[in-house]
């Protein structure tokens, strides 16, 4: 199925989208931003994304959770999921690696006894940021604050 979108008052700006039989986006063409193509597996998960000359490969575990994204320049992002009592199945660690397998950016998640994300530790270029969330009695985020510590 092909859908063409024209922006009101701008007939020269258009998007052309194609969808598969499950109404999932397959291609997108924009006259300024180029093209985007998505290749999906039998479960509808994106296996490959191509945007102009850049491609990304996606890998999933048997539960359908994203575990790895590889860019065509060799950079890799990896997801590890929690196995502790209060975080089972939720993201535990996300690591971004350069093409030499050096970790350049990581994100660690910590959960409380209600499986809420209470702390996120983000490390970028030797600098660590600890982002804490405090929840009210209805599990709504009440306060967020950040602690920055250098680990160089």
N, C-alpha and C. Protein backbone atom coordinates (compact mmCIF):
# COMPACT_ATOMS: atom_id res chain seq x y z
N UNK A 1 0.84 -1.16 0.00
CA UNK A 1 0.00 0.00 0.00
C UNK A 1 0.90 1.24 0.00
N UNK A 2 0.62 2.18 -0.87
CA UNK A 2 1.39 3.42 -0.97
C UNK A 2 0.52 4.57 -0.50
N UNK A 3 1.08 5.38 0.38
CA UNK A 3 0.38 6.57 0.85
C UNK A 3 1.25 7.78 0.53
N UNK A 4 0.65 8.80 -0.06
CA UNK A 4 1.37 10.03 -0.34
C UNK A 4 0.78 11.13 0.53
N UNK A 5 1.66 11.90 1.16
CA UNK A 5 1.22 12.97 2.05
C UNK A 5 1.74 14.28 1.51
N UNK A 6 0.84 15.22 1.29
CA UNK A 6 1.22 16.56 0.86
C UNK A 6 0.89 17.52 1.99
N UNK A 7 1.81 18.42 2.30
CA UNK A 7 1.59 19.37 3.37
C UNK A 7 0.79 20.56 2.85
N UNK A 8 -0.20 20.97 3.60
CA UNK A 8 -1.11 22.04 3.20
C UNK A 8 -0.33 23.31 2.85
N UNK A 9 -0.57 23.83 1.69
CA UNK A 9 0.11 25.04 1.25
C UNK A 9 1.48 24.79 0.67
N UNK A 10 1.96 23.55 0.73
CA UNK A 10 3.29 23.20 0.24
C UNK A 10 3.20 21.94 -0.61
N UNK A 11 2.64 22.05 -1.78
CA UNK A 11 2.46 20.89 -2.65
C UNK A 11 3.79 20.29 -3.10
N UNK A 12 4.88 21.07 -2.98
CA UNK A 12 6.18 20.54 -3.40
C UNK A 12 6.82 19.69 -2.31
N UNK A 13 6.33 19.78 -1.06
CA UNK A 13 6.87 18.96 0.02
C UNK A 13 5.96 17.75 0.18
N UNK A 14 6.52 16.59 -0.07
CA UNK A 14 5.68 15.40 0.04
C UNK A 14 6.46 14.25 0.66
N UNK A 15 5.73 13.37 1.28
CA UNK A 15 6.25 12.12 1.81
C UNK A 15 5.57 11.00 1.05
N UNK A 16 6.33 10.03 0.69
CA UNK A 16 5.74 8.85 0.07
C UNK A 16 6.10 7.66 0.96
N UNK A 17 5.07 6.96 1.44
CA UNK A 17 5.27 5.85 2.35
C UNK A 17 4.68 4.58 1.75
N UNK A 18 5.36 3.46 1.97
CA UNK A 18 4.78 2.18 1.59
C UNK A 18 4.69 1.31 2.85
N UNK A 19 3.63 0.53 2.90
CA UNK A 19 3.35 -0.32 4.05
C UNK A 19 3.19 -1.76 3.60
N UNK A 20 3.50 -2.70 4.49
CA UNK A 20 3.29 -4.11 4.17
C UNK A 20 1.84 -4.49 4.47
N UNK A 21 1.52 -5.76 4.31
CA UNK A 21 0.14 -6.21 4.50
C UNK A 21 -0.33 -6.13 5.96
N UNK A 22 0.61 -5.90 6.89
CA UNK A 22 0.25 -5.75 8.30
C UNK A 22 0.24 -4.28 8.72
N UNK A 23 0.25 -3.38 7.74
CA UNK A 23 0.23 -1.94 7.95
C UNK A 23 1.46 -1.44 8.71
N UNK A 24 2.59 -2.09 8.46
CA UNK A 24 3.86 -1.67 9.05
C UNK A 24 4.66 -0.93 7.98
N UNK A 25 5.28 0.16 8.38
CA UNK A 25 6.05 0.97 7.45
C UNK A 25 7.19 0.16 6.84
N UNK A 26 7.32 0.21 5.52
CA UNK A 26 8.43 -0.45 4.82
C UNK A 26 9.40 0.57 4.23
N UNK A 27 8.88 1.59 3.57
CA UNK A 27 9.75 2.62 3.00
C UNK A 27 9.13 3.99 3.20
N UNK A 28 10.01 4.97 3.24
CA UNK A 28 9.58 6.36 3.36
C UNK A 28 10.50 7.17 2.45
N UNK A 29 9.92 8.02 1.65
CA UNK A 29 10.71 8.85 0.73
C UNK A 29 10.32 10.30 0.94
N UNK A 30 11.31 11.12 1.25
CA UNK A 30 11.11 12.55 1.45
C UNK A 30 12.06 13.27 0.52
N UNK A 31 11.58 14.29 -0.17
CA UNK A 31 12.42 14.92 -1.19
C UNK A 31 13.63 15.65 -0.61
N UNK A 32 13.61 16.06 0.66
CA UNK A 32 14.76 16.72 1.29
C UNK A 32 15.64 15.76 2.08
N UNK A 33 15.02 14.83 2.78
CA UNK A 33 15.75 13.97 3.71
C UNK A 33 16.12 12.61 3.16
N UNK A 34 15.73 12.32 1.97
CA UNK A 34 16.12 11.07 1.35
C UNK A 34 15.15 9.93 1.64
N UNK A 35 15.70 8.72 1.67
CA UNK A 35 14.85 7.55 1.80
C UNK A 35 15.17 6.76 3.06
N UNK A 36 14.17 6.03 3.51
CA UNK A 36 14.30 5.14 4.65
C UNK A 36 13.65 3.83 4.24
N UNK A 37 14.35 2.73 4.45
CA UNK A 37 13.80 1.40 4.15
C UNK A 37 13.97 0.52 5.37
N UNK A 38 12.93 -0.24 5.69
CA UNK A 38 12.94 -1.14 6.83
C UNK A 38 12.70 -2.56 6.36
N UNK A 39 13.55 -3.48 6.80
CA UNK A 39 13.37 -4.90 6.50
C UNK A 39 13.00 -5.58 7.81
N UNK A 40 11.90 -6.31 7.80
CA UNK A 40 11.38 -6.93 9.02
C UNK A 40 11.48 -8.45 8.95
N UNK A 41 11.56 -9.07 10.14
CA UNK A 41 11.54 -10.53 10.20
C UNK A 41 10.09 -11.01 10.27
N UNK A 42 9.89 -12.30 10.46
CA UNK A 42 8.55 -12.88 10.47
C UNK A 42 7.70 -12.39 11.65
N UNK A 43 8.35 -11.87 12.69
CA UNK A 43 7.63 -11.36 13.87
C UNK A 43 7.32 -9.87 13.75
N UNK A 44 7.71 -9.25 12.65
CA UNK A 44 7.47 -7.83 12.46
C UNK A 44 8.54 -6.94 13.06
N UNK A 45 9.58 -7.55 13.61
CA UNK A 45 10.68 -6.77 14.21
C UNK A 45 11.60 -6.27 13.11
N UNK A 46 12.11 -5.07 13.27
CA UNK A 46 13.01 -4.50 12.27
C UNK A 46 14.35 -5.19 12.36
N UNK A 47 14.80 -5.81 11.27
CA UNK A 47 16.10 -6.45 11.22
C UNK A 47 17.15 -5.53 10.61
N UNK A 48 16.73 -4.71 9.67
CA UNK A 48 17.67 -3.80 9.01
C UNK A 48 16.96 -2.50 8.68
N UNK A 49 17.66 -1.41 8.98
CA UNK A 49 17.13 -0.08 8.64
C UNK A 49 18.18 0.60 7.77
N UNK A 50 17.75 1.11 6.64
CA UNK A 50 18.67 1.82 5.74
C UNK A 50 18.14 3.23 5.52
N UNK A 51 18.97 4.19 5.87
CA UNK A 51 18.61 5.61 5.70
C UNK A 51 19.70 6.23 4.84
N UNK A 52 19.37 6.51 3.60
CA UNK A 52 20.34 7.00 2.62
C UNK A 52 21.51 6.03 2.57
N UNK A 53 22.72 6.41 2.94
CA UNK A 53 23.88 5.52 2.85
C UNK A 53 24.23 4.84 4.17
N UNK A 54 23.41 5.03 5.20
CA UNK A 54 23.68 4.47 6.52
C UNK A 54 22.73 3.32 6.78
N UNK A 55 23.29 2.20 7.25
CA UNK A 55 22.43 1.07 7.58
C UNK A 55 22.67 0.64 9.02
N UNK A 56 21.64 0.07 9.62
CA UNK A 56 21.72 -0.47 10.97
C UNK A 56 21.10 -1.85 10.96
N UNK A 57 21.75 -2.79 11.66
CA UNK A 57 21.24 -4.14 11.82
C UNK A 57 20.75 -4.31 13.24
N UNK A 58 19.62 -4.97 13.42
CA UNK A 58 19.02 -5.16 14.73
C UNK A 58 18.93 -6.65 15.04
N UNK A 59 19.19 -6.99 16.31
CA UNK A 59 19.13 -8.38 16.75
C UNK A 59 18.27 -8.45 18.01
N UNK A 60 17.46 -9.50 18.12
CA UNK A 60 16.51 -9.65 19.21
C UNK A 60 16.72 -10.98 19.92
N UNK A 61 16.32 -11.05 21.20
CA UNK A 61 16.36 -12.33 21.90
C UNK A 61 15.08 -13.10 21.62
N UNK A 62 14.93 -14.28 22.22
CA UNK A 62 13.77 -15.12 21.93
C UNK A 62 12.47 -14.55 22.47
N UNK A 63 12.55 -13.52 23.33
CA UNK A 63 11.34 -12.86 23.82
C UNK A 63 10.97 -11.63 22.99
N UNK A 64 11.76 -11.36 21.96
CA UNK A 64 11.48 -10.22 21.10
C UNK A 64 12.06 -8.91 21.60
N UNK A 65 12.96 -8.99 22.59
CA UNK A 65 13.57 -7.77 23.13
C UNK A 65 14.83 -7.44 22.33
N UNK A 66 15.02 -6.18 22.04
CA UNK A 66 16.20 -5.74 21.32
C UNK A 66 17.45 -6.03 22.15
N UNK A 67 18.45 -6.69 21.57
CA UNK A 67 19.69 -6.95 22.30
C UNK A 67 20.92 -6.32 21.63
N UNK A 68 20.81 -6.00 20.34
CA UNK A 68 21.98 -5.40 19.69
C UNK A 68 21.57 -4.61 18.45
N UNK A 69 22.23 -3.45 18.29
CA UNK A 69 22.09 -2.65 17.08
C UNK A 69 23.49 -2.36 16.57
N UNK A 70 23.75 -2.70 15.32
CA UNK A 70 25.06 -2.48 14.73
C UNK A 70 24.93 -1.51 13.56
N UNK A 71 25.75 -0.46 13.58
CA UNK A 71 25.76 0.50 12.49
C UNK A 71 26.80 0.08 11.47
N UNK A 72 26.69 0.60 10.24
CA UNK A 72 27.60 0.16 9.19
C UNK A 72 29.04 0.63 9.41
N UNK A 73 29.28 1.57 10.33
CA UNK A 73 30.66 1.98 10.63
C UNK A 73 31.27 1.16 11.76
N UNK A 74 30.56 0.14 12.24
CA UNK A 74 31.09 -0.75 13.26
C UNK A 74 30.67 -0.42 14.68
N UNK A 75 30.00 0.69 14.90
CA UNK A 75 29.53 1.04 16.24
C UNK A 75 28.40 0.09 16.62
N UNK A 76 28.39 -0.30 17.90
CA UNK A 76 27.42 -1.28 18.39
C UNK A 76 26.76 -0.77 19.66
N UNK A 77 25.47 -0.98 19.78
CA UNK A 77 24.75 -0.74 21.03
C UNK A 77 24.20 -2.08 21.49
N UNK A 78 24.41 -2.41 22.77
CA UNK A 78 23.96 -3.70 23.30
C UNK A 78 23.08 -3.49 24.52
N UNK A 79 21.98 -4.24 24.58
CA UNK A 79 21.04 -4.18 25.69
C UNK A 79 21.14 -5.48 26.48
N UNK A 80 21.21 -5.35 27.81
CA UNK A 80 21.16 -6.49 28.72
C UNK A 80 19.96 -6.29 29.62
N UNK A 81 19.22 -7.36 29.88
CA UNK A 81 17.99 -7.23 30.65
C UNK A 81 18.16 -7.79 32.05
N UNK A 82 17.44 -7.18 33.00
CA UNK A 82 17.55 -7.49 34.42
C UNK A 82 17.01 -8.88 34.74
N UNK A 83 17.68 -9.57 35.66
CA UNK A 83 17.22 -10.87 36.13
C UNK A 83 16.97 -10.84 37.64
N UNK A 84 17.17 -9.70 38.28
CA UNK A 84 16.93 -9.57 39.72
C UNK A 84 15.43 -9.54 39.99
N UNK A 85 15.06 -9.79 41.25
CA UNK A 85 13.66 -9.92 41.64
C UNK A 85 12.77 -8.78 41.17
N UNK A 86 13.19 -7.55 41.33
CA UNK A 86 12.29 -6.43 41.08
C UNK A 86 12.46 -5.79 39.70
N UNK A 87 13.39 -6.29 38.92
CA UNK A 87 13.60 -5.71 37.61
C UNK A 87 13.52 -6.70 36.48
N UNK A 88 13.00 -7.88 36.74
CA UNK A 88 12.99 -8.96 35.75
C UNK A 88 12.41 -8.49 34.43
N UNK A 89 13.18 -8.67 33.37
CA UNK A 89 12.73 -8.35 32.03
C UNK A 89 12.89 -6.91 31.61
N UNK A 90 13.23 -6.05 32.55
CA UNK A 90 13.42 -4.64 32.21
C UNK A 90 14.90 -4.40 31.86
N UNK A 91 15.19 -3.33 31.12
CA UNK A 91 16.59 -3.06 30.78
C UNK A 91 17.46 -2.90 32.02
N UNK A 92 18.61 -3.55 32.03
CA UNK A 92 19.56 -3.42 33.13
C UNK A 92 20.73 -2.55 32.71
N UNK A 93 21.28 -2.83 31.54
CA UNK A 93 22.45 -2.09 31.05
C UNK A 93 22.33 -1.90 29.54
N UNK A 94 22.64 -0.70 29.09
CA UNK A 94 22.78 -0.43 27.66
C UNK A 94 24.21 0.07 27.46
N UNK A 95 24.94 -0.55 26.58
CA UNK A 95 26.32 -0.13 26.30
C UNK A 95 26.46 0.25 24.83
N UNK A 96 27.13 1.37 24.60
CA UNK A 96 27.43 1.83 23.25
C UNK A 96 28.92 1.68 23.05
N UNK A 97 29.32 0.94 22.02
CA UNK A 97 30.73 0.65 21.77
C UNK A 97 31.15 1.22 20.42
N UNK A 98 32.42 1.64 20.36
CA UNK A 98 32.94 2.10 19.08
C UNK A 98 33.34 0.89 18.25
N UNK A 99 33.89 1.14 17.08
CA UNK A 99 34.24 0.04 16.18
C UNK A 99 35.42 -0.80 16.67
N UNK A 100 36.07 -0.40 17.79
CA UNK A 100 37.15 -1.18 18.39
C UNK A 100 36.68 -1.90 19.65
N UNK A 101 35.37 -1.95 19.86
CA UNK A 101 34.74 -2.61 21.01
C UNK A 101 35.00 -1.90 22.34
N UNK A 102 35.44 -0.63 22.32
CA UNK A 102 35.59 0.14 23.55
C UNK A 102 34.24 0.74 23.93
N UNK A 103 33.87 0.62 25.21
CA UNK A 103 32.61 1.20 25.67
C UNK A 103 32.79 2.71 25.75
N UNK A 104 31.99 3.45 25.00
CA UNK A 104 32.09 4.91 24.99
C UNK A 104 30.94 5.57 25.74
N UNK A 105 29.90 4.79 26.02
CA UNK A 105 28.72 5.33 26.69
C UNK A 105 27.96 4.14 27.27
N UNK A 106 27.57 4.24 28.54
CA UNK A 106 26.77 3.16 29.13
C UNK A 106 25.68 3.74 30.01
N UNK A 107 24.60 2.98 30.14
CA UNK A 107 23.46 3.37 30.97
C UNK A 107 23.08 2.17 31.80
N UNK A 108 23.07 2.33 33.14
CA UNK A 108 22.68 1.26 34.06
C UNK A 108 21.38 1.66 34.75
N UNK A 109 20.47 0.70 34.89
CA UNK A 109 19.17 0.97 35.48
C UNK A 109 19.03 0.20 36.80
N UNK A 110 18.46 0.85 37.82
CA UNK A 110 18.22 0.22 39.12
C UNK A 110 16.74 0.39 39.43
N UNK A 111 16.12 -0.70 39.95
CA UNK A 111 14.69 -0.72 40.21
C UNK A 111 14.40 -0.96 41.69
N UNK A 112 13.27 -0.44 42.17
CA UNK A 112 12.87 -0.66 43.56
C UNK A 112 11.96 -1.89 43.66
N UNK A 113 11.43 -2.15 44.86
CA UNK A 113 10.60 -3.34 45.08
C UNK A 113 9.28 -3.31 44.33
N UNK A 114 8.90 -2.17 43.76
CA UNK A 114 7.70 -2.08 42.93
C UNK A 114 8.04 -2.05 41.44
N UNK A 115 9.28 -2.41 41.10
CA UNK A 115 9.78 -2.48 39.72
C UNK A 115 9.78 -1.13 39.02
N UNK A 116 9.93 -0.06 39.81
CA UNK A 116 10.03 1.28 39.23
C UNK A 116 11.51 1.65 39.10
N UNK A 117 11.83 2.32 38.03
CA UNK A 117 13.21 2.76 37.82
C UNK A 117 13.52 3.91 38.78
N UNK A 118 14.33 3.65 39.79
CA UNK A 118 14.64 4.66 40.80
C UNK A 118 15.98 5.33 40.56
N UNK A 119 16.85 4.69 39.79
CA UNK A 119 18.16 5.27 39.54
C UNK A 119 18.64 4.86 38.16
N UNK A 120 19.19 5.81 37.44
CA UNK A 120 19.80 5.56 36.15
C UNK A 120 21.19 6.17 36.19
N UNK A 121 22.20 5.34 35.99
CA UNK A 121 23.58 5.82 36.02
C UNK A 121 24.09 5.84 34.58
N UNK A 122 24.37 7.03 34.11
CA UNK A 122 24.81 7.20 32.73
C UNK A 122 26.27 7.63 32.74
N UNK A 123 27.11 6.88 32.04
CA UNK A 123 28.55 7.18 31.96
C UNK A 123 28.90 7.55 30.53
N UNK A 124 29.46 8.77 30.39
CA UNK A 124 29.83 9.27 29.07
C UNK A 124 31.23 9.86 29.18
N UNK A 125 32.17 9.34 28.41
CA UNK A 125 33.54 9.85 28.37
C UNK A 125 34.14 10.04 29.76
N UNK A 126 34.00 9.05 30.64
CA UNK A 126 34.62 9.11 31.95
C UNK A 126 33.85 9.91 32.99
N UNK A 127 32.77 10.53 32.59
CA UNK A 127 31.93 11.31 33.51
C UNK A 127 30.68 10.49 33.79
N UNK A 128 30.32 10.38 35.06
CA UNK A 128 29.17 9.58 35.45
C UNK A 128 28.08 10.47 36.01
N UNK A 129 26.85 10.23 35.56
CA UNK A 129 25.70 10.99 36.01
C UNK A 129 24.69 10.03 36.62
N UNK A 130 24.37 10.22 37.88
CA UNK A 130 23.44 9.36 38.59
C UNK A 130 22.12 10.10 38.72
N UNK A 131 21.12 9.65 38.00
CA UNK A 131 19.82 10.32 37.96
C UNK A 131 18.85 9.52 38.83
N UNK A 132 18.37 10.15 39.89
CA UNK A 132 17.46 9.50 40.83
C UNK A 132 16.04 9.99 40.64
N UNK A 133 15.09 9.07 40.83
CA UNK A 133 13.68 9.41 40.75
C UNK A 133 13.03 9.03 42.08
N UNK A 134 12.21 9.93 42.60
CA UNK A 134 11.43 9.66 43.80
C UNK A 134 9.96 9.65 43.39
N UNK A 135 9.25 8.64 43.85
CA UNK A 135 7.85 8.46 43.46
C UNK A 135 6.91 8.79 44.63
N UNK A 136 5.70 9.22 44.29
CA UNK A 136 4.70 9.44 45.33
C UNK A 136 3.95 8.12 45.57
N UNK A 137 2.94 8.15 46.43
CA UNK A 137 2.22 6.93 46.80
C UNK A 137 1.41 6.33 45.65
N UNK A 138 1.23 7.08 44.56
CA UNK A 138 0.53 6.58 43.38
C UNK A 138 1.50 6.16 42.27
N UNK A 139 2.78 6.04 42.59
CA UNK A 139 3.84 5.65 41.66
C UNK A 139 4.07 6.66 40.54
N UNK A 140 3.73 7.91 40.81
CA UNK A 140 4.03 8.99 39.87
C UNK A 140 5.37 9.59 40.26
N UNK A 141 6.17 9.97 39.28
CA UNK A 141 7.45 10.60 39.58
C UNK A 141 7.18 11.93 40.27
N UNK A 142 7.74 12.08 41.46
CA UNK A 142 7.53 13.26 42.28
C UNK A 142 8.73 14.21 42.21
N UNK A 143 9.93 13.61 42.10
CA UNK A 143 11.14 14.42 42.09
C UNK A 143 12.22 13.68 41.29
N UNK A 144 12.98 14.43 40.54
CA UNK A 144 14.14 13.89 39.80
C UNK A 144 15.33 14.77 40.13
N UNK A 145 16.43 14.14 40.47
CA UNK A 145 17.65 14.91 40.69
C UNK A 145 18.85 14.13 40.18
N UNK A 146 19.91 14.86 39.88
CA UNK A 146 21.09 14.27 39.26
C UNK A 146 22.33 14.55 40.10
N UNK A 147 23.13 13.53 40.28
CA UNK A 147 24.43 13.65 40.92
C UNK A 147 25.48 13.37 39.85
N UNK A 148 26.47 14.25 39.75
CA UNK A 148 27.53 14.06 38.76
C UNK A 148 28.81 13.73 39.49
N UNK A 149 29.46 12.64 39.09
CA UNK A 149 30.73 12.27 39.70
C UNK A 149 31.71 11.93 38.59
N UNK A 150 32.91 12.39 38.73
CA UNK A 150 33.94 12.11 37.73
C UNK A 150 34.63 10.81 38.06
N UNK A 151 34.80 9.96 37.06
CA UNK A 151 35.50 8.68 37.27
C UNK A 151 36.76 8.59 36.44
N UNK A 152 37.28 9.75 36.04
CA UNK A 152 38.51 9.77 35.23
C UNK A 152 39.71 9.41 36.07
